[in-house]
């Protein structure tokens, strides 16, 4: 399973991965545990590396466009920005929307 598949699975059934206390922060912690476990495995990790190094900036650009902001660089992680600029009842959906767009862009740029 890669990072994209994991996030898609969490989106479909968050309680199966996070438990009853579903929050953006708990999703973040679970995803980080998955990412760090990948450091010890073999295989194609391009999508994991891309997520690790580019997702936060992608998230900030997405939020800038959505909220008509001008956040210029990331001094905090993507959880902070989603938590700051979105209402409680929309944060998790916004996170998954950003992820879906990020992976769509990744695949369109990395077609073989």
Protein backbone atom coordinates (compact mmCIF):
# COMPACT_ATOMS: atom_id res chain seq x y z
CA UNK A 1 0.00 0.00 0.00
CA UNK A 2 1.28 3.48 -0.80
CA UNK A 3 0.39 6.82 0.78
CA UNK A 4 -2.34 7.54 -1.76
CA UNK A 5 -4.04 4.20 -1.17
CA UNK A 6 -3.82 4.69 2.59
CA UNK A 7 -5.41 8.14 2.46
CA UNK A 8 -8.16 6.87 0.14
CA UNK A 9 -8.86 4.03 2.59
CA UNK A 10 -8.95 6.39 5.56
CA UNK A 11 -11.35 8.65 3.69
CA UNK A 12 -13.70 5.72 3.03
CA UNK A 13 -13.66 4.40 6.61
CA UNK A 14 -11.80 6.65 9.06
CA UNK A 15 -12.93 4.71 12.13
CA UNK A 16 -11.18 1.58 10.85
CA UNK A 17 -7.84 3.43 10.98
CA UNK A 18 -8.26 6.20 13.54
CA UNK A 19 -10.87 4.80 15.91
CA UNK A 20 -13.77 6.71 17.42
CA UNK A 21 -11.84 9.95 18.00
CA UNK A 22 -11.60 11.14 14.39
CA UNK A 23 -9.74 14.42 14.08
CA UNK A 24 -7.39 15.95 11.57
CA UNK A 25 -4.57 15.71 14.09
CA UNK A 26 -5.16 11.97 14.62
CA UNK A 27 -5.22 11.42 10.84
CA UNK A 28 -1.94 13.36 10.60
CA UNK A 29 -0.33 11.17 13.28
CA UNK A 30 -1.49 7.97 11.59
CA UNK A 31 -0.22 9.10 8.18
CA UNK A 32 3.16 10.08 9.66
CA UNK A 33 3.50 6.65 11.27
CA UNK A 34 2.82 5.07 7.90
CA UNK A 35 5.31 7.37 6.12
CA UNK A 36 8.09 6.69 8.61
CA UNK A 37 7.50 2.94 8.41
CA UNK A 38 8.11 3.22 4.66
CA UNK A 39 11.69 4.26 5.36
CA UNK A 40 12.38 0.65 6.24
CA UNK A 41 10.72 -0.98 3.24
CA UNK A 42 11.67 -1.50 -0.36
CA UNK A 43 9.81 -0.67 -3.53
CA UNK A 44 8.59 2.38 -5.36
CA UNK A 45 8.40 5.20 -2.86
CA UNK A 46 8.18 8.09 -5.32
CA UNK A 47 4.66 9.00 -4.25
CA UNK A 48 5.66 8.86 -0.57
CA UNK A 49 8.67 11.09 -1.21
CA UNK A 50 6.54 13.52 -3.17
CA UNK A 51 3.94 13.63 -0.40
CA UNK A 52 6.61 14.07 2.27
CA UNK A 53 8.41 16.90 0.50
CA UNK A 54 5.70 18.69 -1.45
CA UNK A 55 2.30 18.19 0.17
CA UNK A 56 2.53 21.01 2.71
CA UNK A 57 3.38 23.59 0.04
CA UNK A 58 0.67 22.17 -2.21
CA UNK A 59 -1.78 22.45 0.69
CA UNK A 60 -0.84 26.09 1.30
CA UNK A 61 -1.27 26.93 -2.40
CA UNK A 62 -4.65 25.15 -2.40
CA UNK A 63 -5.79 27.12 0.67
CA UNK A 64 -4.49 30.37 -0.84
CA UNK A 65 -6.64 29.81 -3.91
CA UNK A 66 -9.67 28.61 -1.97
CA UNK A 67 -9.63 31.41 0.61
CA UNK A 68 -8.01 34.13 -1.53
CA UNK A 69 -5.05 34.38 0.84
CA UNK A 70 -1.36 34.99 0.35
CA UNK A 71 0.43 32.61 2.72
CA UNK A 72 3.92 32.75 1.22
CA UNK A 73 5.69 29.84 2.85
CA UNK A 74 5.19 27.06 5.32
CA UNK A 75 6.54 27.59 8.80
CA UNK A 76 4.04 25.10 10.19
CA UNK A 77 2.57 21.87 8.92
CA UNK A 78 -0.53 21.49 6.80
CA UNK A 79 -2.66 20.56 9.83
CA UNK A 80 -2.12 24.05 11.27
CA UNK A 81 -3.28 25.77 8.09
CA UNK A 82 -6.37 23.60 7.66
CA UNK A 83 -7.22 24.00 11.35
CA UNK A 84 -6.77 27.78 11.11
CA UNK A 85 -8.72 28.56 7.95
CA UNK A 86 -11.61 26.08 7.97
CA UNK A 87 -14.59 25.42 10.20
CA UNK A 88 -14.57 22.40 12.48
CA UNK A 89 -17.18 20.49 10.47
CA UNK A 90 -15.29 20.89 7.17
CA UNK A 91 -11.63 20.32 8.15
CA UNK A 92 -11.45 16.59 7.48
CA UNK A 93 -13.29 16.86 4.15
CA UNK A 94 -11.01 19.74 3.11
CA UNK A 95 -7.97 17.60 3.94
CA UNK A 96 -9.24 14.75 1.76
CA UNK A 97 -10.15 17.16 -1.06
CA UNK A 98 -6.61 18.58 -1.02
CA UNK A 99 -5.15 15.05 -0.96
CA UNK A 100 -7.30 13.96 -3.90
CA UNK A 101 -6.20 16.99 -5.93
CA UNK A 102 -2.56 16.45 -4.94
CA UNK A 103 -2.57 12.80 -6.06
CA UNK A 104 -4.44 13.66 -9.26
CA UNK A 105 -1.75 16.24 -10.07
CA UNK A 106 1.00 13.79 -9.12
CA UNK A 107 -0.33 11.15 -11.52
CA UNK A 108 -0.88 13.61 -14.35
CA UNK A 109 2.74 14.80 -14.05
CA UNK A 110 4.19 11.29 -13.71
CA UNK A 111 2.50 9.40 -16.50
CA UNK A 112 4.79 6.89 -18.12
